[in-house]
């Protein structure tokens, strides 16, 4: 939510937002590159058009805007709820087979464990997934209605792992040597800098949790949280043979990821001399797929 009277328009989608209380802080924003909900409080600057505006003095207007935000974020929240259910049944997931999640005889999700893929009812709400009946079986149908979307489970589990407050790193990953199994097949801007640091460290040489803590100077909770995301994204293994087989592909993927990550960084672009990079308001936001795609300087 942005104060409209603090916005200066540089182009069709590029804005400079001044701190509304005169601190001198500014940030630049390109609306076409922002993958999170935005709204502007009236009055809006002359020549600036946005359907996403609200009256900050009106409680009903603010509530309506927040409801639109909630609707925009619902698919991501639903994936989080699905990830939580999968994590709670992870032992069963390792057995293979098919899972149906349903409520009141309505199918909400189908999980194909062998292909590590989920199909999800588009209108499903987070509470629906949280309360759904979990049915597991080797012979359950994999037929999916047309109103479902297909999602790789490594994406669903990454979305869950980077947000949950639970410790979701398996115990053996705190005790055994860790290897880079692969670079997760995710958009480059989903990775925080520390995810990249950990993958580079493990590509250089394997390490235990304690060795990574020493090499990166990270606290235990910080390290565990980022390793958990990499684990659920399919990046880590304790099996030296599978890591060795993937070494060449991992090096190519890391090189490609480095360039993708640089391309998403505004410090690698040519800026208008009068514009500035996004301030800490966006740069320090919790990592997520909703992170502004222009990244941080």
Protein backbone atom coordinates (compact mmCIF):
# COMPACT_ATOMS: atom_id res chain seq x y z
CA UNK A 1 0.00 0.00 0.00
CA UNK A 2 1.61 3.20 -1.23
CA UNK A 3 0.77 6.84 -0.60
CA UNK A 4 -0.28 8.20 -3.98
CA UNK A 5 0.87 11.74 -3.23
CA UNK A 6 4.41 10.38 -2.67
CA UNK A 7 4.64 8.99 -6.22
CA UNK A 8 6.55 10.62 -9.07
CA UNK A 9 5.90 9.16 -12.52
CA UNK A 10 8.99 8.55 -14.66
CA UNK A 11 7.37 6.49 -17.41
CA UNK A 12 4.40 4.32 -18.17
CA UNK A 13 5.26 1.82 -15.43
CA UNK A 14 8.32 3.25 -13.69
CA UNK A 15 7.73 5.18 -10.49
CA UNK A 16 9.83 6.90 -7.86
CA UNK A 17 8.26 6.79 -4.41
CA UNK A 18 9.39 9.41 -1.93
CA UNK A 19 9.23 8.78 1.80
CA UNK A 20 5.93 10.42 2.82
CA UNK A 21 7.42 11.91 6.00
CA UNK A 22 10.36 13.69 4.44
CA UNK A 23 13.24 11.36 5.40
CA UNK A 24 14.74 11.69 1.92
CA UNK A 25 14.52 7.94 1.31
CA UNK A 26 13.25 6.94 -2.12
CA UNK A 27 12.70 3.77 -4.02
CA UNK A 28 12.10 2.99 -7.66
CA UNK A 29 9.43 0.60 -8.81
CA UNK A 30 8.51 -0.78 -12.20
CA UNK A 31 4.91 -1.93 -11.92
CA UNK A 32 5.27 -4.34 -14.84
CA UNK A 33 7.97 -6.27 -12.93
CA UNK A 34 6.30 -6.46 -9.52
CA UNK A 35 4.73 -9.83 -8.78
CA UNK A 36 2.95 -8.87 -5.58
CA UNK A 37 -0.28 -6.94 -5.04
CA UNK A 38 0.04 -3.15 -5.03
CA UNK A 39 -2.45 -0.42 -4.19
CA UNK A 40 -2.17 3.38 -4.13
CA UNK A 41 -3.90 5.70 -1.70
CA UNK A 42 -5.60 8.70 -3.26
CA UNK A 43 -4.93 11.39 -4.29
CA UNK A 44 -2.97 10.00 -7.24
CA UNK A 45 -0.45 12.15 -9.11
CA UNK A 46 -1.52 13.81 -12.33
CA UNK A 47 -1.04 11.54 -15.34
CA UNK A 48 -0.87 8.38 -13.22
CA UNK A 49 -3.59 5.78 -13.73
CA UNK A 50 -4.19 2.71 -11.60
CA UNK A 51 -7.26 0.58 -11.02
CA UNK A 52 -5.74 -0.45 -7.70
CA UNK A 53 -6.49 2.61 -5.58
CA UNK A 54 -8.23 3.19 -2.27
CA UNK A 55 -9.25 5.92 0.15
CA UNK A 56 -6.93 5.68 3.15
CA UNK A 57 -9.41 7.57 5.38
CA UNK A 58 -12.21 5.09 4.61
CA UNK A 59 -12.27 1.87 6.62
CA UNK A 60 -14.54 0.18 4.07
CA UNK A 61 -12.20 1.16 1.21
CA UNK A 62 -9.16 -0.19 3.07
CA UNK A 63 -11.03 -3.42 3.89
CA UNK A 64 -12.02 -3.89 0.25
CA UNK A 65 -8.42 -3.46 -0.82
CA UNK A 66 -7.18 -5.98 1.76
CA UNK A 67 -9.81 -8.44 0.56
CA UNK A 68 -8.47 -8.06 -2.98
CA UNK A 69 -4.96 -8.70 -1.64
CA UNK A 70 -6.23 -11.83 0.09
CA UNK A 71 -7.82 -13.10 -3.12
CA UNK A 72 -4.60 -12.43 -5.05
CA UNK A 73 -2.54 -14.33 -2.47
CA UNK A 74 -5.00 -17.22 -2.03
CA UNK A 75 -3.39 -19.61 -4.57
CA UNK A 76 -0.03 -19.24 -2.85
CA UNK A 77 -1.59 -19.71 0.60
CA UNK A 78 -3.39 -22.79 -0.67
CA UNK A 79 -0.10 -24.23 -1.88
CA UNK A 80 1.34 -23.55 1.58
CA UNK A 81 -1.55 -25.49 3.16
CA UNK A 82 -0.96 -28.35 0.72
CA UNK A 83 2.75 -28.34 1.56
CA UNK A 84 1.94 -28.58 5.26
CA UNK A 85 -0.27 -31.65 4.68
CA UNK A 86 2.42 -33.30 2.57
CA UNK A 87 5.08 -32.64 5.21
CA UNK A 88 2.88 -34.18 7.89
CA UNK A 89 2.57 -37.36 5.75
CA UNK A 90 6.13 -37.44 4.44
CA UNK A 91 6.77 -41.01 5.65
CA UNK A 92 3.76 -42.18 3.67
CA UNK A 93 4.85 -40.18 0.64
CA UNK A 94 8.10 -42.15 0.47
CA UNK A 95 6.08 -45.31 -0.13
CA UNK A 96 4.84 -44.08 -3.53
CA UNK A 97 1.30 -44.30 -4.79
CA UNK A 98 -1.46 -41.71 -5.12
CA UNK A 99 -3.12 -39.35 -2.66
CA UNK A 100 -6.58 -37.76 -2.89
CA UNK A 101 -7.52 -34.78 -0.71
CA UNK A 102 -11.26 -34.22 -0.51
CA UNK A 103 -13.89 -32.50 1.59
CA UNK A 104 -17.62 -33.21 1.61
CA UNK A 105 -17.18 -35.61 -1.33
CA UNK A 106 -15.48 -32.87 -3.35
CA UNK A 107 -12.03 -33.64 -4.75
CA UNK A 108 -9.57 -30.84 -3.95
CA UNK A 109 -6.17 -32.26 -4.90
CA UNK A 110 -4.54 -35.31 -6.46
CA UNK A 111 -0.91 -36.12 -5.69
CA UNK A 112 1.05 -38.39 -8.01
CA UNK A 113 3.92 -39.37 -5.75
CA UNK A 114 5.86 -41.28 -8.41
CA UNK A 115 5.97 -38.24 -10.70
CA UNK A 116 6.25 -35.89 -7.69
CA UNK A 117 3.41 -33.76 -9.01
CA UNK A 118 0.20 -32.36 -7.56
CA UNK A 119 -3.03 -31.30 -9.25
CA UNK A 120 -5.00 -28.71 -7.32
CA UNK A 121 -8.53 -27.38 -7.62
CA UNK A 122 -8.14 -23.72 -8.60
CA UNK A 123 -10.85 -22.26 -6.29
CA UNK A 124 -9.69 -24.30 -3.27
CA UNK A 125 -9.05 -22.26 -0.13
CA UNK A 126 -6.25 -22.81 2.40
CA UNK A 127 -8.74 -23.91 5.05
CA UNK A 128 -10.19 -26.46 2.61
CA UNK A 129 -6.78 -28.11 2.19
CA UNK A 130 -6.03 -27.92 5.91
CA UNK A 131 -9.28 -29.72 6.80
CA UNK A 132 -9.45 -32.13 3.84
CA UNK A 133 -9.56 -35.90 4.19
CA UNK A 134 -6.25 -37.52 3.20
CA UNK A 135 -6.72 -40.77 1.30
CA UNK A 136 -3.68 -42.78 0.25
CA UNK A 137 -3.60 -45.79 -2.06
CA UNK A 138 -1.60 -47.37 -4.84
CA UNK A 139 -4.67 -47.82 -7.08
CA UNK A 140 -6.41 -44.46 -6.65
CA UNK A 141 -7.30 -42.67 -9.86
CA UNK A 142 -4.89 -40.15 -11.35
CA UNK A 143 -7.63 -38.64 -13.48
CA UNK A 144 -7.77 -34.88 -12.94
CA UNK A 145 -10.76 -32.62 -13.76
CA UNK A 146 -10.11 -29.69 -16.15
CA UNK A 147 -10.59 -27.14 -13.36
CA UNK A 148 -7.34 -28.31 -11.70
CA UNK A 149 -3.85 -26.87 -12.14
CA UNK A 150 -0.73 -29.05 -12.16
CA UNK A 151 2.15 -28.16 -9.86
CA UNK A 152 5.57 -29.81 -9.42
CA UNK A 153 5.78 -30.85 -5.78
CA UNK A 154 9.28 -29.43 -5.39
CA UNK A 155 7.73 -25.98 -6.00
CA UNK A 156 4.92 -26.62 -3.54
CA UNK A 157 7.36 -27.80 -0.89
CA UNK A 158 9.75 -24.90 -1.50
CA UNK A 159 6.86 -22.46 -1.04
CA UNK A 160 6.07 -24.20 2.22
CA UNK A 161 9.64 -24.50 3.54
CA UNK A 162 10.58 -20.84 3.01
CA UNK A 163 7.52 -19.67 4.98
CA UNK A 164 6.82 -22.14 7.75
CA UNK A 165 8.01 -21.45 11.27
CA UNK A 166 8.47 -25.18 11.84
CA UNK A 167 11.88 -26.82 11.66
CA UNK A 168 11.46 -28.97 8.54
CA UNK A 169 15.07 -30.03 8.00
CA UNK A 170 15.40 -33.83 8.47
CA UNK A 171 17.61 -34.86 11.37
CA UNK A 172 20.13 -36.72 9.20
CA UNK A 173 20.92 -33.45 7.40
CA UNK A 174 22.24 -32.11 10.71
CA UNK A 175 24.53 -35.10 11.23
CA UNK A 176 25.74 -36.49 7.89
CA UNK A 177 27.76 -34.94 5.07
CA UNK A 178 25.64 -32.94 2.65
CA UNK A 179 26.07 -32.92 -1.13
CA UNK A 180 24.54 -30.80 -3.87
CA UNK A 181 22.17 -33.13 -5.70
CA UNK A 182 20.97 -30.56 -8.20
CA UNK A 183 20.10 -26.90 -8.56
CA UNK A 184 16.36 -26.71 -7.83
CA UNK A 185 14.26 -26.17 -10.94
CA UNK A 186 12.87 -22.84 -9.76
CA UNK A 187 12.91 -19.27 -11.09
CA UNK A 188 16.22 -17.59 -10.34
CA UNK A 189 14.64 -14.79 -8.32
CA UNK A 190 13.14 -17.30 -5.88
CA UNK A 191 16.62 -17.88 -4.44
CA UNK A 192 17.92 -15.62 -1.72
CA UNK A 193 21.62 -14.83 -1.63
CA UNK A 194 22.22 -17.32 1.18
CA UNK A 195 20.64 -20.15 -0.85
CA UNK A 196 23.20 -19.39 -3.56
CA UNK A 197 26.03 -19.27 -1.02
CA UNK A 198 25.10 -22.70 0.31
CA UNK A 199 24.88 -24.24 -3.16
CA UNK A 200 28.26 -22.78 -4.11
CA UNK A 201 29.81 -24.09 -0.90
CA UNK A 202 28.45 -27.59 -1.44
CA UNK A 203 29.43 -27.62 -5.09
CA UNK A 204 32.98 -26.76 -4.01
CA UNK A 205 33.08 -29.58 -1.45
CA UNK A 206 30.58 -31.47 0.73
CA UNK A 207 30.10 -30.45 4.34
CA UNK A 208 28.25 -31.34 7.49
CA UNK A 209 25.83 -28.92 9.11
CA UNK A 210 28.52 -27.93 11.62
CA UNK A 211 31.09 -27.35 8.86
CA UNK A 212 28.66 -25.20 6.87
CA UNK A 213 27.93 -23.19 10.00
CA UNK A 214 31.65 -22.57 10.43
CA UNK A 215 32.24 -21.79 6.74
CA UNK A 216 29.32 -19.36 6.47
CA UNK A 217 29.23 -17.94 10.04
CA UNK A 218 25.47 -18.50 10.04
CA UNK A 219 23.39 -19.14 13.12
CA UNK A 220 21.84 -22.59 13.52
CA UNK A 221 18.24 -21.45 12.86
CA UNK A 222 19.26 -19.38 9.81
CA UNK A 223 21.30 -22.23 8.35
CA UNK A 224 18.63 -24.85 9.08
CA UNK A 225 15.89 -22.75 7.47
CA UNK A 226 17.80 -22.27 4.23
CA UNK A 227 19.01 -25.87 4.08
CA UNK A 228 15.40 -27.02 4.62
CA UNK A 229 14.25 -25.01 1.61
CA UNK A 230 17.03 -26.48 -0.52
CA UNK A 231 16.23 -29.99 0.71
CA UNK A 232 12.53 -29.72 -0.07
CA UNK A 233 13.40 -28.13 -3.41
CA UNK A 234 15.33 -31.29 -4.27
CA UNK A 235 18.80 -29.76 -4.00
CA UNK A 236 20.43 -31.82 -1.26
CA UNK A 237 21.41 -35.42 -0.70
CA UNK A 238 23.49 -37.44 1.73
CA UNK A 239 24.27 -39.99 -1.01
CA UNK A 240 27.75 -39.40 -2.42
CA UNK A 241 27.13 -41.50 -5.53
CA UNK A 242 24.06 -39.57 -6.68
CA UNK A 243 25.90 -36.31 -6.03
CA UNK A 244 28.90 -37.44 -8.07
CA UNK A 245 26.69 -38.42 -11.02
CA UNK A 246 25.10 -34.96 -11.02
CA UNK A 247 28.29 -32.94 -10.58
CA UNK A 248 28.74 -31.88 -14.21
CA UNK A 249 25.08 -30.88 -14.63
CA UNK A 250 25.20 -28.96 -11.35
CA UNK A 251 28.16 -26.90 -12.48
CA UNK A 252 26.36 -25.95 -15.70
CA UNK A 253 23.18 -25.15 -13.77
CA UNK A 254 25.04 -22.98 -11.27
CA UNK A 255 26.66 -20.98 -14.06
CA UNK A 256 23.27 -20.47 -15.73
CA UNK A 257 21.68 -19.58 -12.39
CA UNK A 258 24.36 -17.00 -11.67
CA UNK A 259 23.62 -15.20 -14.94
CA UNK A 260 19.86 -15.47 -14.40
CA UNK A 261 20.26 -14.00 -10.94
CA UNK A 262 22.39 -11.14 -12.25
CA UNK A 263 19.80 -10.38 -14.93
CA UNK A 264 17.19 -10.03 -12.18
CA UNK A 265 19.42 -7.60 -10.28
CA UNK A 266 18.90 -3.90 -11.07
CA UNK A 267 22.55 -3.19 -10.27
CA UNK A 268 23.37 -4.98 -13.55
CA UNK A 269 21.14 -2.65 -15.57
CA UNK A 270 21.63 0.85 -16.89
CA UNK A 271 19.46 3.19 -14.85
CA UNK A 272 18.23 6.70 -15.37
CA UNK A 273 20.77 8.82 -13.40
CA UNK A 274 17.91 10.31 -11.41
CA UNK A 275 16.48 6.94 -10.36
CA UNK A 276 17.54 4.87 -7.39
CA UNK A 277 17.53 1.20 -6.55
CA UNK A 278 14.75 -0.23 -4.38
CA UNK A 279 15.19 0.69 -0.73
CA UNK A 280 15.29 -1.73 2.16
CA UNK A 281 11.49 -1.74 2.21
CA UNK A 282 11.60 -4.22 -0.68
CA UNK A 283 15.20 -5.36 -0.53
CA UNK A 284 14.80 -6.86 2.95
CA UNK A 285 11.37 -8.38 2.39
CA UNK A 286 10.98 -12.02 3.42
CA UNK A 287 12.15 -14.19 0.54
CA UNK A 288 9.32 -15.60 -1.51
CA UNK A 289 8.08 -16.06 -5.05
CA UNK A 290 6.30 -12.76 -4.44
CA UNK A 291 9.62 -10.99 -4.19
CA UNK A 292 9.93 -8.06 -6.59
CA UNK A 293 11.60 -9.44 -9.68
CA UNK A 294 13.95 -6.46 -9.98
CA UNK A 295 15.74 -7.78 -6.90
CA UNK A 296 18.02 -5.64 -4.79
CA UNK A 297 21.21 -3.66 -5.27
